[in-house]
Amino acid sequence: MGGVRTAGDLVMRLQLAKKMKINEAKAYVAEKLGVNLEELCDVVTMSEKREEMGLGLAHVEPCAEANAGMAAKFQIAKALNIKINSVERFKERAGLSDD
């Protein structure tokens, strides 16, 4: 899948969080991102989609925010409707609600 270059990291998160098989996880991620399975594996399409949705990029942007990694995790948790431990701990320690 290609990790952050495409959607491999998102598929892997679903496999771990919801105990999905790989094809089921790919279909779920594709649906949530509004792409088809072929686009899910396309570097150009997924780079644009990840940037548009704030899901993190494989390369560092020159003017990127310092907290881009944590912000991306928040967006991934929201987009895929999953809990990510570091996001949950951050919310807890920062006193943020799930709203």
PDB file of N, CA and C in Angstrom:
ATOM      1  N   MET A   1       0.818  -1.206   0.000  1.00  0.00           N
ATOM      2  CA  MET A   1       0.000   0.000   0.000  1.00  0.00           C
ATOM      3  C   MET A   1       0.852   1.256   0.000  1.00  0.00           C
ATOM      4  N   GLY A   2       1.983   1.258   0.632  1.00  0.00           N
ATOM      5  CA  GLY A   2       2.830   2.437   0.545  1.00  0.00           C
ATOM      6  C   GLY A   2       2.836   3.346   1.755  1.00  0.00           C
ATOM      7  N   GLY A   3       2.218   2.968   2.850  1.00  0.00           N
ATOM      8  CA  GLY A   3       2.270   3.801   4.052  1.00  0.00           C
ATOM      9  C   GLY A   3       1.686   5.178   3.839  1.00  0.00           C
ATOM     10  N   VAL A   4       2.378   6.223   4.298  1.00  0.00           N
ATOM     11  CA  VAL A   4       1.894   7.594   4.215  1.00  0.00           C
ATOM     12  C   VAL A   4       1.899   8.107   2.781  1.00  0.00           C
ATOM     13  N   ARG A   5       2.625   7.466   1.890  1.00  0.00           N
ATOM     14  CA  ARG A   5       2.617   7.895   0.495  1.00  0.00           C
ATOM     15  C   ARG A   5       1.272   7.628  -0.160  1.00  0.00           C
ATOM     16  N   THR A   6       0.561   6.613   0.297  1.00  0.00           N
ATOM     17  CA  THR A   6      -0.776   6.335  -0.219  1.00  0.00           C
ATOM     18  C   THR A   6      -1.730   6.233   0.979  1.00  0.00           C
ATOM     19  N   ALA A   7      -2.174   5.023   1.308  1.00  0.00           N
ATOM     20  CA  ALA A   7      -3.102   4.878   2.435  1.00  0.00           C
ATOM     21  C   ALA A   7      -2.773   3.669   3.297  1.00  0.00           C
ATOM     22  N   GLY A   8      -1.590   3.134   3.172  1.00  0.00           N
ATOM     23  CA  GLY A   8      -1.208   1.943   3.927  1.00  0.00           C
ATOM     24  C   GLY A   8      -1.292   2.121   5.427  1.00  0.00           C
ATOM     25  N   ASP A   9      -0.907   3.287   5.917  1.00  0.00           N
ATOM     26  CA  ASP A   9      -0.977   3.528   7.357  1.00  0.00           C
ATOM     27  C   ASP A   9      -2.415   3.569   7.847  1.00  0.00           C
ATOM     28  N   LEU A  10      -3.314   4.093   7.024  1.00  0.00           N
ATOM     29  CA  LEU A  10      -4.721   4.173   7.402  1.00  0.00           C
ATOM     30  C   LEU A  10      -5.345   2.778   7.424  1.00  0.00           C
ATOM     31  N   VAL A  11      -5.017   1.979   6.425  1.00  0.00           N
ATOM     32  CA  VAL A  11      -5.507   0.602   6.353  1.00  0.00           C
ATOM     33  C   VAL A  11      -4.998  -0.187   7.556  1.00  0.00           C
ATOM     34  N   MET A  12      -3.736  -0.028   7.882  1.00  0.00           N
ATOM     35  CA  MET A  12      -3.149  -0.726   9.020  1.00  0.00           C
ATOM     36  C   MET A  12      -3.830  -0.314  10.335  1.00  0.00           C
ATOM     37  N   ARG A  13      -4.135   0.956  10.483  1.00  0.00           N
ATOM     38  CA  ARG A  13      -4.826   1.413  11.692  1.00  0.00           C
ATOM     39  C   ARG A  13      -6.175   0.723  11.845  1.00  0.00           C
ATOM     40  N   LEU A  14      -6.890   0.566  10.729  1.00  0.00           N
ATOM     41  CA  LEU A  14      -8.189  -0.107  10.764  1.00  0.00           C
ATOM     42  C   LEU A  14      -8.028  -1.576  11.104  1.00  0.00           C
ATOM     43  N   GLN A  15      -7.009  -2.217  10.547  1.00  0.00           N
ATOM     44  CA  GLN A  15      -6.764  -3.625  10.843  1.00  0.00           C
ATOM     45  C   GLN A  15      -6.521  -3.816  12.337  1.00  0.00           C
ATOM     46  N   LEU A  16      -5.785  -2.904  12.944  1.00  0.00           N
ATOM     47  CA  LEU A  16      -5.489  -3.014  14.369  1.00  0.00           C
ATOM     48  C   LEU A  16      -6.652  -2.576  15.247  1.00  0.00           C
ATOM     49  N   ALA A  17      -7.271  -1.446  14.907  1.00  0.00           N
ATOM     50  CA  ALA A  17      -8.319  -0.881  15.749  1.00  0.00           C
ATOM     51  C   ALA A  17      -9.617  -1.674  15.696  1.00  0.00           C
ATOM     52  N   LYS A  18      -9.973  -2.154  14.506  1.00  0.00           N
ATOM     53  CA  LYS A  18     -11.259  -2.835  14.349  1.00  0.00           C
ATOM     54  C   LYS A  18     -11.118  -4.300  13.949  1.00  0.00           C
ATOM     55  N   LYS A  19      -9.885  -4.797  14.003  1.00  0.00           N
ATOM     56  CA  LYS A  19      -9.597  -6.199  13.687  1.00  0.00           C
ATOM     57  C   LYS A  19     -10.178  -6.622  12.336  1.00  0.00           C
ATOM     58  N   MET A  20      -9.981  -5.773  11.342  1.00  0.00           N
ATOM     59  CA  MET A  20     -10.468  -6.043   9.995  1.00  0.00           C
ATOM     60  C   MET A  20      -9.415  -6.782   9.182  1.00  0.00           C
ATOM     61  N   LYS A  21      -9.865  -7.568   8.224  1.00  0.00           N
ATOM     62  CA  LYS A  21      -8.972  -8.163   7.230  1.00  0.00           C
ATOM     63  C   LYS A  21      -8.559  -7.050   6.275  1.00  0.00           C
ATOM     64  N   ILE A  22      -7.467  -7.242   5.541  1.00  0.00           N
ATOM     65  CA  ILE A  22      -6.915  -6.174   4.716  1.00  0.00           C
ATOM     66  C   ILE A  22      -7.892  -5.663   3.653  1.00  0.00           C
ATOM     67  N   ASN A  23      -8.578  -6.547   2.970  1.00  0.00           N
ATOM     68  CA  ASN A  23      -9.509  -6.096   1.927  1.00  0.00           C
ATOM     69  C   ASN A  23     -10.695  -5.332   2.513  1.00  0.00           C
ATOM     70  N   GLU A  24     -11.165  -5.763   3.672  1.00  0.00           N
ATOM     71  CA  GLU A  24     -12.252  -5.072   4.359  1.00  0.00           C
ATOM     72  C   GLU A  24     -11.781  -3.681   4.812  1.00  0.00           C
ATOM     73  N   ALA A  25     -10.566  -3.598   5.331  1.00  0.00           N
ATOM     74  CA  ALA A  25     -10.008  -2.323   5.784  1.00  0.00           C
ATOM     75  C   ALA A  25      -9.802  -1.370   4.611  1.00  0.00           C
ATOM     76  N   LYS A  26      -9.308  -1.885   3.487  1.00  0.00           N
ATOM     77  CA  LYS A  26      -9.128  -1.051   2.295  1.00  0.00           C
ATOM     78  C   LYS A  26     -10.462  -0.472   1.831  1.00  0.00           C
ATOM     79  N   ALA A  27     -11.492  -1.310   1.783  1.00  0.00           N
ATOM     80  CA  ALA A  27     -12.813  -0.858   1.347  1.00  0.00           C
ATOM     81  C   ALA A  27     -13.361   0.212   2.291  1.00  0.00           C
ATOM     82  N   TYR A  28     -13.164   0.025   3.592  1.00  0.00           N
ATOM     83  CA  TYR A  28     -13.637   0.981   4.596  1.00  0.00           C
ATOM     84  C   TYR A  28     -12.935   2.327   4.434  1.00  0.00           C
ATOM     85  N   VAL A  29     -11.615   2.283   4.314  1.00  0.00           N
ATOM     86  CA  VAL A  29     -10.835   3.522   4.151  1.00  0.00           C
ATOM     87  C   VAL A  29     -11.229   4.230   2.855  1.00  0.00           C
ATOM     88  N   ALA A  30     -11.352   3.494   1.777  1.00  0.00           N
ATOM     89  CA  ALA A  30     -11.736   4.086   0.491  1.00  0.00           C
ATOM     90  C   ALA A  30     -13.087   4.786   0.602  1.00  0.00           C
ATOM     91  N   GLU A  31     -14.034   4.132   1.258  1.00  0.00           N
ATOM     92  CA  GLU A  31     -15.361   4.728   1.426  1.00  0.00           C
ATOM     93  C   GLU A  31     -15.287   6.002   2.256  1.00  0.00           C
ATOM     94  N   LYS A  32     -14.577   5.961   3.375  1.00  0.00           N
ATOM     95  CA  LYS A  32     -14.469   7.119   4.261  1.00  0.00           C
ATOM     96  C   LYS A  32     -13.765   8.302   3.583  1.00  0.00           C
ATOM     97  N   LEU A  33     -12.803   8.010   2.703  1.00  0.00           N
ATOM     98  CA  LEU A  33     -12.063   9.077   2.027  1.00  0.00           C
ATOM     99  C   LEU A  33     -12.728   9.512   0.724  1.00  0.00           C
ATOM    100  N   GLY A  34     -13.718   8.766   0.287  1.00  0.00           N
ATOM    101  CA  GLY A  34     -14.416   9.114  -0.942  1.00  0.00           C
ATOM    102  C   GLY A  34     -13.611   8.823  -2.200  1.00  0.00           C
ATOM    103  N   VAL A  35     -12.858   7.742  -2.175  1.00  0.00           N
ATOM    104  CA  VAL A  35     -12.067   7.316  -3.344  1.00  0.00           C
ATOM    105  C   VAL A  35     -12.376   5.855  -3.634  1.00  0.00           C
ATOM    106  N   ASN A  36     -11.952   5.384  -4.815  1.00  0.00           N
ATOM    107  CA  ASN A  36     -12.117   3.959  -5.102  1.00  0.00           C
ATOM    108  C   ASN A  36     -10.825   3.228  -4.725  1.00  0.00           C
ATOM    109  N   LEU A  37     -10.846   1.908  -4.835  1.00  0.00           N
ATOM    110  CA  LEU A  37      -9.690   1.113  -4.409  1.00  0.00           C
ATOM    111  C   LEU A  37      -8.448   1.394  -5.244  1.00  0.00           C
ATOM    112  N   GLU A  38      -8.610   1.682  -6.515  1.00  0.00           N
ATOM    113  CA  GLU A  38      -7.451   2.009  -7.360  1.00  0.00           C
ATOM    114  C   GLU A  38      -6.825   3.325  -6.930  1.00  0.00           C
ATOM    115  N   GLU A  39      -7.660   4.322  -6.634  1.00  0.00           N
ATOM    116  CA  GLU A  39      -7.158   5.623  -6.188  1.00  0.00           C
ATOM    117  C   GLU A  39      -6.473   5.523  -4.826  1.00  0.00           C
ATOM    118  N   LEU A  40      -6.930   4.586  -4.009  1.00  0.00           N
ATOM    119  CA  LEU A  40      -6.363   4.379  -2.683  1.00  0.00           C
ATOM    120  C   LEU A  40      -4.877   4.023  -2.764  1.00  0.00           C
ATOM    121  N   CYS A  41      -4.473   3.387  -3.860  1.00  0.00           N
ATOM    122  CA  CYS A  41      -3.080   2.966  -4.056  1.00  0.00           C
ATOM    123  C   CYS A  41      -2.284   3.925  -4.931  1.00  0.00           C
ATOM    124  N   ASP A  42      -2.916   4.991  -5.409  1.00  0.00           N
ATOM    125  CA  ASP A  42      -2.251   5.942  -6.290  1.00  0.00           C
ATOM    126  C   ASP A  42      -1.592   7.056  -5.472  1.00  0.00           C
ATOM    127  N   VAL A  43      -0.296   7.223  -5.651  1.00  0.00           N
ATOM    128  CA  VAL A  43       0.473   8.192  -4.858  1.00  0.00           C
ATOM    129  C   VAL A  43      -0.011   9.621  -5.069  1.00  0.00           C
ATOM    130  N   VAL A  44      -0.249  10.010  -6.303  1.00  0.00           N
ATOM    131  CA  VAL A  44      -0.662  11.390  -6.601  1.00  0.00           C
ATOM    132  C   VAL A  44      -2.044  11.678  -6.012  1.00  0.00           C
ATOM    133  N   THR A  45      -2.989  10.803  -6.288  1.00  0.00           N
ATOM    134  CA  THR A  45      -4.351  10.995  -5.781  1.00  0.00           C
ATOM    135  C   THR A  45      -4.363  11.057  -4.265  1.00  0.00           C
ATOM    136  N   MET A  46      -3.673  10.126  -3.625  1.00  0.00           N
ATOM    137  CA  MET A  46      -3.698  10.078  -2.168  1.00  0.00           C
ATOM    138  C   MET A  46      -2.922  11.236  -1.538  1.00  0.00           C
ATOM    139  N   SER A  47      -1.872  11.712  -2.182  1.00  0.00           N
ATOM    140  CA  SER A  47      -1.165  12.884  -1.657  1.00  0.00           C
ATOM    141  C   SER A  47      -2.102  14.085  -1.637  1.00  0.00           C
ATOM    142  N   GLU A  48      -2.860  14.252  -2.714  1.00  0.00           N
ATOM    143  CA  GLU A  48      -3.815  15.361  -2.778  1.00  0.00           C
ATOM    144  C   GLU A  48      -4.921  15.191  -1.744  1.00  0.00           C
ATOM    145  N   LYS A  49      -5.451  13.985  -1.627  1.00  0.00           N
ATOM    146  CA  LYS A  49      -6.542  13.706  -0.681  1.00  0.00           C
ATOM    147  C   LYS A  49      -6.070  13.882   0.757  1.00  0.00           C
ATOM    148  N   ARG A  50      -4.866  13.373   1.068  1.00  0.00           N
ATOM    149  CA  ARG A  50      -4.320  13.493   2.427  1.00  0.00           C
ATOM    150  C   ARG A  50      -4.098  14.955   2.786  1.00  0.00           C
ATOM    151  N   GLU A  51      -3.585  15.737   1.839  1.00  0.00           N
ATOM    152  CA  GLU A  51      -3.363  17.160   2.104  1.00  0.00           C
ATOM    153  C   GLU A  51      -4.690  17.877   2.300  1.00  0.00           C
ATOM    154  N   GLU A  52      -5.652  17.569   1.447  1.00  0.00           N
ATOM    155  CA  GLU A  52      -6.984  18.179   1.518  1.00  0.00           C
ATOM    156  C   GLU A  52      -7.667  17.889   2.852  1.00  0.00           C
ATOM    157  N   MET A  53      -7.522  16.664   3.337  1.00  0.00           N
ATOM    158  CA  MET A  53      -8.191  16.258   4.572  1.00  0.00           C
ATOM    159  C   MET A  53      -7.333  16.430   5.825  1.00  0.00           C
ATOM    160  N   GLY A  54      -6.069  16.842   5.660  1.00  0.00           N
ATOM    161  CA  GLY A  54      -5.186  17.041   6.804  1.00  0.00           C
ATOM    162  C   GLY A  54      -4.745  15.748   7.458  1.00  0.00           C
ATOM    163  N   LEU A  55      -4.544  14.696   6.651  1.00  0.00           N
ATOM    164  CA  LEU A  55      -4.196  13.386   7.181  1.00  0.00           C
ATOM    165  C   LEU A  55      -2.701  13.115   7.226  1.00  0.00           C
ATOM    166  N   GLY A  56      -1.884  14.112   7.009  1.00  0.00           N
ATOM    167  CA  GLY A  56      -0.437  13.949   7.062  1.00  0.00           C
ATOM    168  C   GLY A  56       0.143  13.555   5.721  1.00  0.00           C
ATOM    169  N   LEU A  57       1.371  13.925   5.497  1.00  0.00           N
ATOM    170  CA  LEU A  57       2.070  13.664   4.241  1.00  0.00           C
ATOM    171  C   LEU A  57       3.389  12.963   4.516  1.00  0.00           C
ATOM    172  N   ALA A  58       3.889  12.260   3.523  1.00  0.00           N
ATOM    173  CA  ALA A  58       5.164  11.560   3.656  1.00  0.00           C
ATOM    174  C   ALA A  58       6.333  12.532   3.651  1.00  0.00           C
ATOM    175  N   HIS A  59       6.171  13.652   2.955  1.00  0.00           N
ATOM    176  CA  HIS A  59       7.251  14.638   2.860  1.00  0.00           C
ATOM    177  C   HIS A  59       6.920  15.839   3.732  1.00  0.00           C
ATOM    178  N   VAL A  60       7.940  16.528   4.169  1.00  0.00           N
ATOM    179  CA  VAL A  60       7.768  17.685   5.037  1.00  0.00           C
ATOM    180  C   VAL A  60       7.602  18.927   4.179  1.00  0.00           C
ATOM    181  N   GLU A  61       6.542  19.660   4.436  1.00  0.00           N
ATOM    182  CA  GLU A  61       6.311  20.923   3.748  1.00  0.00           C
ATOM    183  C   GLU A  61       7.149  22.012   4.424  1.00  0.00           C
ATOM    184  N   PRO A  62       7.751  22.919   3.638  1.00  0.00           N
ATOM    185  CA  PRO A  62       8.612  23.960   4.219  1.00  0.00           C
ATOM    186  C   PRO A  62       7.915  24.834   5.261  1.00  0.00           C
ATOM    187  N   CYS A  63       6.653  25.141   5.063  1.00  0.00           N
ATOM    188  CA  CYS A  63       5.934  26.020   5.986  1.00  0.00           C
ATOM    189  C   CYS A  63       4.935  25.245   6.843  1.00  0.00           C
ATOM    190  N   ALA A  64       5.194  23.969   7.058  1.00  0.00           N
ATOM    191  CA  ALA A  64       4.268  23.129   7.823  1.00  0.00           C
ATOM    192  C   ALA A  64       4.246  23.556   9.285  1.00  0.00           C
ATOM    193  N   GLU A  65       3.098  23.355   9.905  1.00  0.00           N
ATOM    194  CA  GLU A  65       2.962  23.660  11.324  1.00  0.00           C
ATOM    195  C   GLU A  65       3.803  22.684  12.141  1.00  0.00           C
ATOM    196  N   ALA A  66       4.258  23.141  13.292  1.00  0.00           N
ATOM    197  CA  ALA A  66       5.086  22.290  14.152  1.00  0.00           C
ATOM    198  C   ALA A  66       4.303  21.099  14.687  1.00  0.00           C
ATOM    199  N   ASN A  67       2.992  21.248  14.852  1.00  0.00           N
ATOM    200  CA  ASN A  67       2.182  20.168  15.416  1.00  0.00           C
ATOM    201  C   ASN A  67       1.469  19.366  14.328  1.00  0.00           C
ATOM    202  N   ALA A  68       1.970  19.379  13.123  1.00  0.00           N
ATOM    203  CA  ALA A  68       1.300  18.720  12.000  1.00  0.00           C
ATOM    204  C   ALA A  68       1.078  17.233  12.266  1.00  0.00           C
ATOM    205  N   GLY A  69       2.009  16.559  12.905  1.00  0.00           N
ATOM    206  CA  GLY A  69       1.867  15.135  13.180  1.00  0.00           C
ATOM    207  C   GLY A  69       0.699  14.833  14.094  1.00  0.00           C
ATOM    208  N   MET A  70       0.572  15.558  15.190  1.00  0.00           N
ATOM    209  CA  MET A  70      -0.540  15.331  16.120  1.00  0.00           C
ATOM    210  C   MET A  70      -1.852  15.778  15.498  1.00  0.00           C
ATOM    211  N   ALA A  71      -1.832  16.873  14.781  1.00  0.00           N
ATOM    212  CA  ALA A  71      -3.050  17.346  14.107  1.00  0.00           C
ATOM    213  C   ALA A  71      -3.524  16.309  13.091  1.00  0.00           C
ATOM    214  N   ALA A  72      -2.588  15.687  12.389  1.00  0.00           N
ATOM    215  CA  ALA A  72      -2.936  14.650  11.416  1.00  0.00           C
ATOM    216  C   ALA A  72      -3.581  13.460  12.122  1.00  0.00           C
ATOM    217  N   LYS A  73      -3.064  13.084  13.285  1.00  0.00           N
ATOM    218  CA  LYS A  73      -3.647  11.968  14.029  1.00  0.00           C
ATOM    219  C   LYS A  73      -5.082  12.283  14.456  1.00  0.00           C
ATOM    220  N   PHE A  74      -5.337  13.515  14.868  1.00  0.00           N
ATOM    221  CA  PHE A  74      -6.700  13.922  15.215  1.00  0.00           C
ATOM    222  C   PHE A  74      -7.610  13.771  14.009  1.00  0.00           C
ATOM    223  N   GLN A  75      -7.140  14.221  12.843  1.00  0.00           N
ATOM    224  CA  GLN A  75      -7.936  14.146  11.621  1.00  0.00           C
ATOM    225  C   GLN A  75      -8.163  12.693  11.186  1.00  0.00           C
ATOM    226  N   ILE A  76      -7.152  11.852  11.334  1.00  0.00           N
ATOM    227  CA  ILE A  76      -7.287  10.433  10.980  1.00  0.00           C
ATOM    228  C   ILE A  76      -8.329   9.769  11.876  1.00  0.00           C
ATOM    229  N   ALA A  77      -8.257  10.021  13.174  1.00  0.00           N
ATOM    230  CA  ALA A  77      -9.225   9.438  14.109  1.00  0.00           C
ATOM    231  C   ALA A  77     -10.642   9.869  13.749  1.00  0.00           C
ATOM    232  N   LYS A  78     -10.803  11.124  13.412  1.00  0.00           N
ATOM    233  CA  LYS A  78     -12.120  11.650  13.049  1.00  0.00           C
ATOM    234  C   LYS A  78     -12.603  11.064  11.723  1.00  0.00           C
ATOM    235  N   ALA A  79     -11.744  11.063  10.707  1.00  0.00           N
ATOM    236  CA  ALA A  79     -12.129  10.604   9.371  1.00  0.00           C
ATOM    237  C   ALA A  79     -12.477   9.121   9.352  1.00  0.00           C
ATOM    238  N   LEU A  80     -11.748   8.309  10.112  1.00  0.00           N
ATOM    239  CA  LEU A  80     -11.959   6.865  10.098  1.00  0.00           C
ATOM    240  C   LEU A  80     -12.859   6.375  11.229  1.00  0.00           C
ATOM    241  N   ASN A  81     -13.253   7.301  12.091  1.00  0.00           N
ATOM    242  CA  ASN A  81     -14.113   6.959  13.222  1.00  0.00           C
ATOM    243  C   ASN A  81     -13.474   5.868  14.092  1.00  0.00           C
ATOM    244  N   ILE A  82     -12.210   6.111  14.475  1.00  0.00           N
ATOM    245  CA  ILE A  82     -11.485   5.185  15.347  1.00  0.00           C
ATOM    246  C   ILE A  82     -10.860   5.964  16.498  1.00  0.00           C
ATOM    247  N   LYS A  83     -10.464   5.240  17.515  1.00  0.00           N
ATOM    248  CA  LYS A  83      -9.737   5.855  18.627  1.00  0.00           C
ATOM    249  C   LYS A  83      -8.260   5.566  18.442  1.00  0.00           C
ATOM    250  N   ILE A  84      -7.456   6.615  18.601  1.00  0.00           N
ATOM    251  CA  ILE A  84      -6.004   6.497  18.543  1.00  0.00           C
ATOM    252  C   ILE A  84      -5.497   6.861  19.940  1.00  0.00           C
ATOM    253  N   ASN A  85      -4.737   5.966  20.548  1.00  0.00           N
ATOM    254  CA  ASN A  85      -4.320   6.145  21.944  1.00  0.00           C
ATOM    255  C   ASN A  85      -3.674   7.497  22.207  1.00  0.00           C
ATOM    256  N   SER A  86      -2.754   7.921  21.350  1.00  0.00           N
ATOM    257  CA  SER A  86      -2.075   9.195  21.598  1.00  0.00           C
ATOM    258  C   SER A  86      -3.043  10.374  21.518  1.00  0.00           C
ATOM    259  N   VAL A  87      -4.039  10.285  20.668  1.00  0.00           N
ATOM    260  CA  VAL A  87      -5.055  11.341  20.562  1.00  0.00           C
ATOM    261  C   VAL A  87      -5.901  11.358  21.829  1.00  0.00           C
ATOM    262  N   GLU A  88      -6.311  10.186  22.282  1.00  0.00           N
ATOM    263  CA  GLU A  88      -7.126  10.103  23.494  1.00  0.00           C
ATOM    264  C   GLU A  88      -6.363  10.624  24.713  1.00  0.00           C
ATOM    265  N   ARG A  89      -5.072  10.271  24.838  1.00  0.00           N
ATOM    266  CA  ARG A  89      -4.258  10.776  25.955  1.00  0.00           C
ATOM    267  C   ARG A  89      -4.089  12.289  25.872  1.00  0.00           C
ATOM    268  N   PHE A  90      -3.865  12.802  24.659  1.00  0.00           N
ATOM    269  CA  PHE A  90      -3.712  14.237  24.471  1.00  0.00           C
ATOM    270  C   PHE A  90      -4.989  14.957  24.907  1.00  0.00           C
ATOM    271  N   LYS A  91      -6.148  14.455  24.467  1.00  0.00           N
ATOM    272  CA  LYS A  91      -7.433  15.065  24.840  1.00  0.00           C
ATOM    273  C   LYS A  91      -7.615  15.057  26.351  1.00  0.00           C
ATOM    274  N   GLU A  92      -7.278  13.937  26.959  1.00  0.00           N
ATOM    275  CA  GLU A  92      -7.424  13.801  28.405  1.00  0.00           C
ATOM    276  C   GLU A  92      -6.551  14.803  29.146  1.00  0.00           C
ATOM    277  N   ARG A  93      -5.291  14.885  28.765  1.00  0.00           N
ATOM    278  CA  ARG A  93      -4.349  15.778  29.452  1.00  0.00           C
ATOM    279  C   ARG A  93      -4.614  17.237  29.167  1.00  0.00           C
ATOM    280  N   ALA A  94      -5.179  17.533  27.996  1.00  0.00           N
ATOM    281  CA  ALA A  94      -5.471  18.918  27.631  1.00  0.00           C
ATOM    282  C   ALA A  94      -6.864  19.346  28.094  1.00  0.00           C
ATOM    283  N   GLY A  95      -7.638  18.396  28.612  1.00  0.00           N
ATOM    284  CA  GLY A  95      -8.977  18.712  29.079  1.00  0.00           C
ATOM    285  C   GLY A  95      -9.954  18.968  27.933  1.00  0.00           C
ATOM    286  N   LEU A  96      -9.720  18.323  26.804  1.00  0.00           N
ATOM    287  CA  LEU A  96     -10.598  18.492  25.641  1.00  0.00           C
ATOM    288  C   LEU A  96     -11.696  17.455  25.679  1.00  0.00           C
ATOM    289  N   SER A  97     -12.873  17.837  25.197  1.00  0.00           N
ATOM    290  CA  SER A  97     -13.981  16.892  25.134  1.00  0.00           C
ATOM    291  C   SER A  97     -14.035  16.244  23.757  1.00  0.00           C
ATOM    292  N   ASP A  98     -14.852  15.230  23.611  1.00  0.00           N
ATOM    293  CA  ASP A  98     -14.986  14.520  22.342  1.00  0.00           C
ATOM    294  C   ASP A  98     -15.939  15.212  21.370  1.00  0.00           C
ATOM    295  N   ASP A  99     -16.457  16.359  21.691  1.00  0.00           N
ATOM    296  CA  ASP A  99     -17.435  17.043  20.829  1.00  0.00           C
ATOM    297  C   ASP A  99     -16.869  17.410  19.519  1.00  0.00           C
TER     298      ASP A  99
END
